[in-house]
Amino acid sequence: MSTFKLDVEDKKRKKESRFKMTLLEEPTYKESNEIKERKRKVRCDKKTDIKTPVTIEQKQKLMILARQESIKTGERVSVTQMASRLVQKGLFEYESFPDCDYDPALKSVHVKLTPFYTDQLFNYELEWDVSKRVAAARILCFMLEKRDVHEI
C-alpha cells in the first residue's frame, strides 16, 4: 500500500511541475499569430509611366493620330497609347534624335513603356545626360515632327 501512495503522490508532483513550467514559458500561439513581413511581388509586365510635357499643337496632333489609328484598327486608341507607341517606334527604328525645346510647365501626356523600352530609354538618358522625362520628350517631339497628319 505504501508504494501505491508514493506513485500517486509522484504523479501529482509531476503534474504540478508541468503546470508550473507551462505558466513560466511563453505561449506558443504568439508565434503563429505574428505578422510576417512579406515582400510584395512585382509584375513581370510592369510598365513605367513617364509624364512628358507637350505643346498644344503636339497634343492636338497626338489626338488626331489616335483618332486615325482608332478608325484604322477598329479599337479605341487613347492619347497615352498613341504617345507610347510613337516613343516605342522611335526607340526601335531611329538612333539619333535632334534637340528640341523642353518646357516642364507645359501640359503633360503620359507615356507608358515596358521594361525593354525603359532600358533603351535609359541608354539615351546616359548618352544625353538628361532625365527620363527629357529623353522621352525629345523622342516624342521628333516622332511627332516626322509623322504626317491628315485631318479627317
N, C-alpha and C. Protein backbone atom coordinates (compact mmCIF):
# COMPACT_ATOMS: atom_id res chain seq x y z
N MET A 1 0.81 -1.20 0.00
CA MET A 1 0.00 0.00 0.00
C MET A 1 0.85 1.26 0.00
N SER A 2 1.91 1.20 0.64
CA SER A 2 2.75 2.39 0.74
C SER A 2 3.31 2.76 -0.63
N THR A 3 3.60 1.80 -1.43
CA THR A 3 4.12 2.10 -2.77
C THR A 3 3.05 2.74 -3.64
N PHE A 4 1.84 2.35 -3.43
CA PHE A 4 0.75 2.92 -4.21
C PHE A 4 0.60 4.41 -3.91
N LYS A 5 0.66 4.81 -2.65
CA LYS A 5 0.56 6.21 -2.27
C LYS A 5 1.71 7.02 -2.86
N LEU A 6 2.87 6.42 -2.86
CA LEU A 6 4.03 7.11 -3.40
C LEU A 6 3.87 7.36 -4.91
N ASP A 7 3.33 6.36 -5.58
CA ASP A 7 3.12 6.50 -7.01
C ASP A 7 2.12 7.62 -7.31
N VAL A 8 1.06 7.69 -6.54
CA VAL A 8 0.03 8.72 -6.73
C VAL A 8 0.61 10.10 -6.42
N GLU A 9 1.38 10.17 -5.34
CA GLU A 9 1.99 11.45 -4.96
C GLU A 9 2.99 11.91 -6.02
N ASP A 10 3.76 10.96 -6.53
CA ASP A 10 4.73 11.30 -7.58
C ASP A 10 4.02 11.85 -8.83
N LYS A 11 2.91 11.22 -9.19
CA LYS A 11 2.16 11.67 -10.34
C LYS A 11 1.61 13.08 -10.13
N LYS A 12 1.14 13.37 -8.89
CA LYS A 12 0.63 14.71 -8.59
C LYS A 12 1.73 15.75 -8.69
N ARG A 13 2.89 15.41 -8.16
CA ARG A 13 4.03 16.35 -8.20
C ARG A 13 4.45 16.62 -9.65
N LYS A 14 4.46 15.57 -10.46
CA LYS A 14 4.83 15.74 -11.86
C LYS A 14 3.84 16.67 -12.58
N LYS A 15 2.54 16.48 -12.31
CA LYS A 15 1.52 17.32 -12.92
C LYS A 15 1.69 18.77 -12.49
N GLU A 16 1.96 18.97 -11.20
CA GLU A 16 2.15 20.33 -10.69
C GLU A 16 3.37 20.99 -11.32
N SER A 17 4.42 20.23 -11.43
CA SER A 17 5.64 20.80 -12.01
C SER A 17 5.43 21.12 -13.50
N ARG A 18 4.69 20.27 -14.20
CA ARG A 18 4.39 20.54 -15.60
C ARG A 18 3.54 21.82 -15.72
N PHE A 19 2.58 21.95 -14.80
CA PHE A 19 1.71 23.11 -14.81
C PHE A 19 2.52 24.39 -14.55
N LYS A 20 3.43 24.33 -13.60
CA LYS A 20 4.27 25.49 -13.31
C LYS A 20 5.18 25.82 -14.49
N MET A 21 5.69 24.80 -15.16
CA MET A 21 6.56 25.04 -16.30
C MET A 21 5.80 25.72 -17.44
N THR A 22 4.58 25.31 -17.69
CA THR A 22 3.82 25.91 -18.77
C THR A 22 3.44 27.35 -18.45
N LEU A 23 3.26 27.69 -17.20
CA LEU A 23 2.98 29.08 -16.84
C LEU A 23 4.21 29.97 -17.06
N LEU A 24 5.37 29.44 -16.82
CA LEU A 24 6.59 30.21 -16.96
C LEU A 24 6.98 30.40 -18.42
N GLU A 25 6.68 29.44 -19.25
CA GLU A 25 7.01 29.53 -20.66
C GLU A 25 6.06 30.48 -21.37
N GLU A 26 6.55 31.09 -22.43
CA GLU A 26 5.68 31.96 -23.23
C GLU A 26 4.76 31.08 -24.07
N PRO A 27 3.56 31.52 -24.23
CA PRO A 27 2.62 30.70 -25.00
C PRO A 27 3.06 30.56 -26.46
N THR A 28 2.74 29.42 -27.03
CA THR A 28 3.17 29.12 -28.41
C THR A 28 2.25 29.76 -29.44
N TYR A 29 1.06 30.19 -29.06
CA TYR A 29 0.15 30.76 -30.04
C TYR A 29 0.65 32.11 -30.56
N LYS A 30 1.52 32.78 -29.85
CA LYS A 30 2.07 34.05 -30.32
C LYS A 30 2.89 33.86 -31.59
N GLU A 31 3.60 32.79 -31.65
CA GLU A 31 4.43 32.52 -32.82
C GLU A 31 3.60 32.39 -34.09
N SER A 32 2.46 31.75 -33.96
CA SER A 32 1.63 31.55 -35.14
C SER A 32 0.88 32.82 -35.53
N ASN A 33 0.64 33.72 -34.56
CA ASN A 33 -0.11 34.94 -34.85
C ASN A 33 0.78 36.12 -35.22
N GLU A 34 2.08 35.95 -35.21
CA GLU A 34 2.96 37.05 -35.56
C GLU A 34 2.73 37.46 -37.00
N ILE A 35 2.83 38.76 -37.22
CA ILE A 35 2.67 39.27 -38.58
C ILE A 35 4.02 39.18 -39.26
N LYS A 36 4.06 38.38 -40.27
CA LYS A 36 5.31 38.19 -41.00
C LYS A 36 5.38 39.24 -42.11
N GLU A 37 6.52 39.87 -42.23
CA GLU A 37 6.70 40.84 -43.30
C GLU A 37 6.98 40.09 -44.59
N ARG A 38 6.13 40.32 -45.54
CA ARG A 38 6.28 39.68 -46.84
C ARG A 38 6.59 40.76 -47.86
N LYS A 39 7.49 40.47 -48.74
CA LYS A 39 7.78 41.41 -49.80
C LYS A 39 6.76 41.21 -50.90
N ARG A 40 6.27 42.32 -51.43
CA ARG A 40 5.28 42.24 -52.49
C ARG A 40 5.93 41.78 -53.78
N LYS A 41 5.20 40.99 -54.50
CA LYS A 41 5.70 40.52 -55.79
C LYS A 41 5.55 41.64 -56.82
N VAL A 42 6.49 41.71 -57.72
CA VAL A 42 6.47 42.71 -58.78
C VAL A 42 6.07 42.02 -60.08
N ARG A 43 5.13 42.63 -60.78
CA ARG A 43 4.68 42.04 -62.04
C ARG A 43 5.80 42.05 -63.06
N CYS A 44 5.87 41.01 -63.85
CA CYS A 44 6.92 40.93 -64.87
C CYS A 44 6.61 41.84 -66.05
N ASP A 45 5.33 42.19 -66.25
CA ASP A 45 4.96 43.06 -67.37
C ASP A 45 4.66 44.49 -66.91
N LYS A 46 5.25 44.87 -65.78
CA LYS A 46 5.03 46.19 -65.22
C LYS A 46 5.54 47.27 -66.18
N LYS A 47 4.77 48.34 -66.34
CA LYS A 47 5.15 49.42 -67.23
C LYS A 47 5.59 50.64 -66.43
N THR A 48 6.52 51.39 -67.00
CA THR A 48 6.99 52.61 -66.38
C THR A 48 6.21 53.78 -66.96
N ASP A 49 5.63 54.61 -66.09
CA ASP A 49 4.83 55.75 -66.52
C ASP A 49 5.70 57.00 -66.49
N ILE A 50 5.79 57.69 -67.61
CA ILE A 50 6.58 58.91 -67.72
C ILE A 50 5.66 60.03 -68.20
N LYS A 51 5.61 61.12 -67.43
CA LYS A 51 4.82 62.28 -67.84
C LYS A 51 5.70 63.18 -68.71
N THR A 52 5.31 63.33 -69.96
CA THR A 52 6.09 64.09 -70.92
C THR A 52 5.35 65.37 -71.29
N PRO A 53 5.99 66.53 -71.11
CA PRO A 53 5.32 67.79 -71.48
C PRO A 53 5.26 67.97 -73.00
N VAL A 54 4.10 68.41 -73.48
CA VAL A 54 3.91 68.66 -74.92
C VAL A 54 3.19 69.99 -75.10
N THR A 55 3.39 70.60 -76.26
CA THR A 55 2.68 71.84 -76.58
C THR A 55 1.24 71.51 -76.97
N ILE A 56 0.44 72.55 -77.12
CA ILE A 56 -0.96 72.35 -77.50
C ILE A 56 -1.04 71.74 -78.90
N GLU A 57 -0.19 72.22 -79.81
CA GLU A 57 -0.19 71.70 -81.18
C GLU A 57 0.20 70.23 -81.21
N GLN A 58 1.20 69.88 -80.40
CA GLN A 58 1.63 68.48 -80.35
C GLN A 58 0.53 67.60 -79.77
N LYS A 59 -0.17 68.10 -78.76
CA LYS A 59 -1.26 67.31 -78.17
C LYS A 59 -2.39 67.13 -79.18
N GLN A 60 -2.70 68.19 -79.94
CA GLN A 60 -3.73 68.08 -80.96
C GLN A 60 -3.33 67.06 -82.02
N LYS A 61 -2.06 67.09 -82.40
CA LYS A 61 -1.55 66.14 -83.38
C LYS A 61 -1.65 64.70 -82.84
N LEU A 62 -1.33 64.54 -81.56
CA LEU A 62 -1.47 63.22 -80.93
C LEU A 62 -2.91 62.74 -80.94
N MET A 63 -3.84 63.66 -80.66
CA MET A 63 -5.26 63.30 -80.64
C MET A 63 -5.73 62.89 -82.04
N ILE A 64 -5.27 63.62 -83.06
CA ILE A 64 -5.65 63.28 -84.44
C ILE A 64 -5.07 61.92 -84.82
N LEU A 65 -3.79 61.70 -84.47
CA LEU A 65 -3.18 60.40 -84.78
C LEU A 65 -3.89 59.26 -84.06
N ALA A 66 -4.29 59.49 -82.80
CA ALA A 66 -5.00 58.47 -82.03
C ALA A 66 -6.35 58.16 -82.68
N ARG A 67 -7.00 59.21 -83.15
CA ARG A 67 -8.30 59.04 -83.82
C ARG A 67 -8.14 58.25 -85.12
N GLN A 68 -7.12 58.58 -85.90
CA GLN A 68 -6.88 57.87 -87.16
C GLN A 68 -6.55 56.40 -86.89
N GLU A 69 -5.76 56.16 -85.87
CA GLU A 69 -5.41 54.78 -85.51
C GLU A 69 -6.64 54.00 -85.06
N SER A 70 -7.53 54.68 -84.33
CA SER A 70 -8.77 54.03 -83.88
C SER A 70 -9.64 53.62 -85.06
N ILE A 71 -9.72 54.50 -86.03
CA ILE A 71 -10.54 54.19 -87.21
C ILE A 71 -9.91 53.06 -88.01
N LYS A 72 -8.58 53.10 -88.11
CA LYS A 72 -7.87 52.09 -88.91
C LYS A 72 -7.98 50.69 -88.28
N THR A 73 -7.81 50.61 -86.95
CA THR A 73 -7.79 49.31 -86.29
C THR A 73 -9.17 48.85 -85.80
N GLY A 74 -10.08 49.79 -85.62
CA GLY A 74 -11.40 49.42 -85.12
C GLY A 74 -11.46 49.35 -83.60
N GLU A 75 -10.35 49.64 -82.94
CA GLU A 75 -10.31 49.66 -81.47
C GLU A 75 -9.97 51.07 -81.02
N ARG A 76 -10.48 51.44 -79.85
CA ARG A 76 -10.21 52.78 -79.32
C ARG A 76 -8.74 52.89 -78.92
N VAL A 77 -8.08 53.94 -79.38
CA VAL A 77 -6.70 54.21 -79.03
C VAL A 77 -6.66 55.56 -78.31
N SER A 78 -6.16 55.56 -77.09
CA SER A 78 -6.10 56.79 -76.31
C SER A 78 -4.85 57.59 -76.67
N VAL A 79 -4.80 58.82 -76.18
CA VAL A 79 -3.63 59.68 -76.42
C VAL A 79 -2.40 59.05 -75.78
N THR A 80 -2.57 58.48 -74.58
CA THR A 80 -1.45 57.82 -73.89
C THR A 80 -0.92 56.65 -74.71
N GLN A 81 -1.82 55.84 -75.23
CA GLN A 81 -1.40 54.69 -76.05
C GLN A 81 -0.67 55.16 -77.31
N MET A 82 -1.17 56.24 -77.92
CA MET A 82 -0.55 56.74 -79.15
C MET A 82 0.84 57.30 -78.85
N ALA A 83 0.97 58.05 -77.75
CA ALA A 83 2.28 58.60 -77.37
C ALA A 83 3.25 57.47 -77.05
N SER A 84 2.77 56.45 -76.37
CA SER A 84 3.62 55.30 -76.03
C SER A 84 4.09 54.58 -77.28
N ARG A 85 3.18 54.40 -78.24
CA ARG A 85 3.54 53.72 -79.50
C ARG A 85 4.58 54.52 -80.27
N LEU A 86 4.41 55.84 -80.30
CA LEU A 86 5.36 56.67 -81.03
C LEU A 86 6.76 56.61 -80.41
N VAL A 87 6.83 56.68 -79.09
CA VAL A 87 8.13 56.61 -78.41
C VAL A 87 8.76 55.24 -78.63
N GLN A 88 7.97 54.18 -78.54
CA GLN A 88 8.50 52.84 -78.77
C GLN A 88 9.00 52.68 -80.20
N LYS A 89 8.23 53.21 -81.15
CA LYS A 89 8.65 53.13 -82.55
C LYS A 89 9.94 53.92 -82.76
N GLY A 90 10.03 55.08 -82.14
CA GLY A 90 11.24 55.89 -82.25
C GLY A 90 12.44 55.19 -81.65
N LEU A 91 12.27 54.56 -80.50
CA LEU A 91 13.37 53.84 -79.86
C LEU A 91 13.81 52.65 -80.69
N PHE A 92 12.87 52.05 -81.39
CA PHE A 92 13.16 50.84 -82.17
C PHE A 92 13.80 51.16 -83.52
N GLU A 93 13.33 52.22 -84.18
CA GLU A 93 13.74 52.48 -85.56
C GLU A 93 14.89 53.47 -85.71
N TYR A 94 15.02 54.43 -84.82
CA TYR A 94 15.99 55.50 -85.02
C TYR A 94 17.10 55.45 -83.98
N GLU A 95 18.24 56.02 -84.36
CA GLU A 95 19.39 56.02 -83.45
C GLU A 95 19.75 57.42 -82.97
N SER A 96 19.43 58.45 -83.75
CA SER A 96 19.77 59.81 -83.34
C SER A 96 18.50 60.67 -83.35
N PHE A 97 18.42 61.55 -82.36
CA PHE A 97 17.27 62.43 -82.22
C PHE A 97 17.77 63.86 -82.02
N PRO A 98 17.26 64.81 -82.79
CA PRO A 98 17.72 66.20 -82.62
C PRO A 98 17.18 66.80 -81.32
N ASP A 99 17.87 67.83 -80.85
CA ASP A 99 17.40 68.53 -79.65
C ASP A 99 16.07 69.21 -79.93
N CYS A 100 15.26 69.31 -78.89
CA CYS A 100 14.01 70.05 -79.01
C CYS A 100 13.82 70.85 -77.72
N ASP A 101 12.96 71.85 -77.79
CA ASP A 101 12.70 72.67 -76.60
C ASP A 101 11.97 71.85 -75.56
N TYR A 102 12.43 71.98 -74.31
CA TYR A 102 11.79 71.25 -73.21
C TYR A 102 11.31 72.27 -72.18
N ASP A 103 10.00 72.33 -72.02
CA ASP A 103 9.41 73.25 -71.05
C ASP A 103 8.54 72.44 -70.10
N PRO A 104 9.01 72.23 -68.85
CA PRO A 104 8.23 71.40 -67.91
C PRO A 104 6.91 72.03 -67.48
N ALA A 105 6.70 73.30 -67.79
CA ALA A 105 5.46 73.97 -67.40
C ALA A 105 4.29 73.61 -68.31
N LEU A 106 4.58 73.00 -69.45
CA LEU A 106 3.52 72.64 -70.40
C LEU A 106 2.67 71.50 -69.86
N LYS A 107 1.50 71.34 -70.48
CA LYS A 107 0.65 70.20 -70.11
C LYS A 107 1.34 68.92 -70.52
N SER A 108 1.13 67.88 -69.73
CA SER A 108 1.87 66.64 -70.00
C SER A 108 0.97 65.52 -70.52
N VAL A 109 1.63 64.63 -71.22
CA VAL A 109 0.99 63.42 -71.74
C VAL A 109 1.74 62.24 -71.13
N HIS A 110 1.02 61.21 -70.75
CA HIS A 110 1.65 60.03 -70.17
C HIS A 110 2.18 59.11 -71.27
N VAL A 111 3.36 58.58 -71.02
CA VAL A 111 3.96 57.58 -71.91
C VAL A 111 4.27 56.37 -71.04
N LYS A 112 3.71 55.22 -71.41
CA LYS A 112 3.92 54.00 -70.63
C LYS A 112 4.79 53.04 -71.42
N LEU A 113 5.94 52.70 -70.83
CA LEU A 113 6.90 51.85 -71.52
C LEU A 113 7.12 50.54 -70.78
N THR A 114 7.28 49.46 -71.53
CA THR A 114 7.62 48.16 -70.95
C THR A 114 9.09 48.18 -70.53
N PRO A 115 9.51 47.22 -69.70
CA PRO A 115 10.91 47.20 -69.24
C PRO A 115 11.94 47.21 -70.37
N PHE A 116 11.65 46.57 -71.49
CA PHE A 116 12.57 46.53 -72.62
C PHE A 116 12.84 47.95 -73.14
N TYR A 117 11.77 48.71 -73.38
CA TYR A 117 11.91 50.06 -73.90
C TYR A 117 12.44 51.02 -72.83
N THR A 118 12.13 50.76 -71.57
CA THR A 118 12.66 51.58 -70.48
C THR A 118 14.18 51.46 -70.43
N ASP A 119 14.70 50.26 -70.65
CA ASP A 119 16.15 50.06 -70.68
C ASP A 119 16.78 50.81 -71.86
N GLN A 120 16.12 50.77 -73.01
CA GLN A 120 16.65 51.50 -74.17
C GLN A 120 16.64 53.01 -73.92
N LEU A 121 15.56 53.49 -73.29
CA LEU A 121 15.47 54.92 -72.95
C LEU A 121 16.57 55.30 -71.97
N PHE A 122 16.88 54.39 -71.05
CA PHE A 122 17.94 54.64 -70.07
C PHE A 122 19.30 54.86 -70.76
N ASN A 123 19.55 54.12 -71.84
CA ASN A 123 20.79 54.31 -72.60
C ASN A 123 20.88 55.74 -73.16
N TYR A 124 19.75 56.26 -73.66
CA TYR A 124 19.73 57.63 -74.15
C TYR A 124 19.88 58.63 -73.00
N GLU A 125 19.32 58.33 -71.85
CA GLU A 125 19.49 59.20 -70.68
C GLU A 125 20.97 59.35 -70.36
N LEU A 126 21.69 58.25 -70.38
CA LEU A 126 23.12 58.28 -70.09
C LEU A 126 23.89 59.04 -71.17
N GLU A 127 23.53 58.77 -72.41
CA GLU A 127 24.23 59.40 -73.53
C GLU A 127 24.02 60.92 -73.53
N TRP A 128 22.79 61.36 -73.29
CA TRP A 128 22.47 62.79 -73.34
C TRP A 128 22.63 63.48 -71.99
N ASP A 129 22.80 62.71 -70.91
CA ASP A 129 22.91 63.23 -69.55
C ASP A 129 21.67 64.06 -69.17
N VAL A 130 20.51 63.45 -69.35
CA VAL A 130 19.24 64.10 -69.03
C VAL A 130 18.37 63.12 -68.24
N SER A 131 17.22 63.60 -67.80
CA SER A 131 16.29 62.75 -67.06
C SER A 131 15.44 61.92 -68.02
N LYS A 132 14.66 61.02 -67.43
CA LYS A 132 13.77 60.16 -68.20
C LYS A 132 12.73 60.99 -68.96
N ARG A 133 12.20 61.99 -68.28
CA ARG A 133 11.17 62.85 -68.90
C ARG A 133 11.72 63.60 -70.11
N VAL A 134 12.92 64.15 -69.96
CA VAL A 134 13.52 64.93 -71.06
C VAL A 134 13.82 64.03 -72.25
N ALA A 135 14.35 62.84 -71.98
CA ALA A 135 14.66 61.91 -73.06
C ALA A 135 13.39 61.48 -73.79
N ALA A 136 12.34 61.14 -73.04
CA ALA A 136 11.08 60.73 -73.66
C ALA A 136 10.46 61.89 -74.45
N ALA A 137 10.56 63.11 -73.92
CA ALA A 137 10.01 64.28 -74.61
C ALA A 137 10.76 64.53 -75.92
N ARG A 138 12.06 64.35 -75.90
CA ARG A 138 12.88 64.56 -77.10
C ARG A 138 12.50 63.56 -78.19
N ILE A 139 12.31 62.31 -77.82
CA ILE A 139 11.94 61.27 -78.79
C ILE A 139 10.53 61.50 -79.31
N LEU A 140 9.61 61.83 -78.41
CA LEU A 140 8.22 62.06 -78.81
C LEU A 140 8.11 63.27 -79.72
N CYS A 141 8.83 64.33 -79.42
CA CYS A 141 8.83 65.54 -80.24
C CYS A 141 9.34 65.21 -81.65
N PHE A 142 10.41 64.45 -81.74
CA PHE A 142 10.96 64.06 -83.04
C PHE A 142 9.96 63.21 -83.82
N MET A 143 9.34 62.27 -83.16
CA MET A 143 8.39 61.38 -83.84
C MET A 143 7.15 62.13 -84.32
N LEU A 144 6.71 63.12 -83.56
CA LEU A 144 5.54 63.91 -83.98
C LEU A 144 5.88 64.77 -85.18
N GLU A 145 7.10 65.29 -85.26
CA GLU A 145 7.51 66.07 -86.42
C GLU A 145 7.63 65.19 -87.66
N LYS A 146 8.08 63.97 -87.46
CA LYS A 146 8.31 63.03 -88.54
C LYS A 146 6.99 62.50 -89.12
N ARG A 147 5.98 62.38 -88.29
CA ARG A 147 4.71 61.76 -88.66
C ARG A 147 3.80 62.74 -89.39
N ASP A 148 3.23 62.32 -90.48
CA ASP A 148 2.28 63.16 -91.24
C ASP A 148 0.90 62.99 -90.64
N VAL A 149 0.18 64.10 -90.60
CA VAL A 149 -1.19 64.06 -90.08
C VAL A 149 -2.13 64.52 -91.17
N HIS A 150 -3.08 63.68 -91.50
CA HIS A 150 -4.13 64.04 -92.46
C HIS A 150 -5.42 64.13 -91.68
N GLU A 151 -5.92 65.34 -91.51
CA GLU A 151 -7.14 65.52 -90.70
C GLU A 151 -8.32 64.87 -91.37
N ILE A 152 -9.21 64.41 -90.53
CA ILE A 152 -10.38 63.67 -91.02
C ILE A 152 -11.50 64.63 -91.38
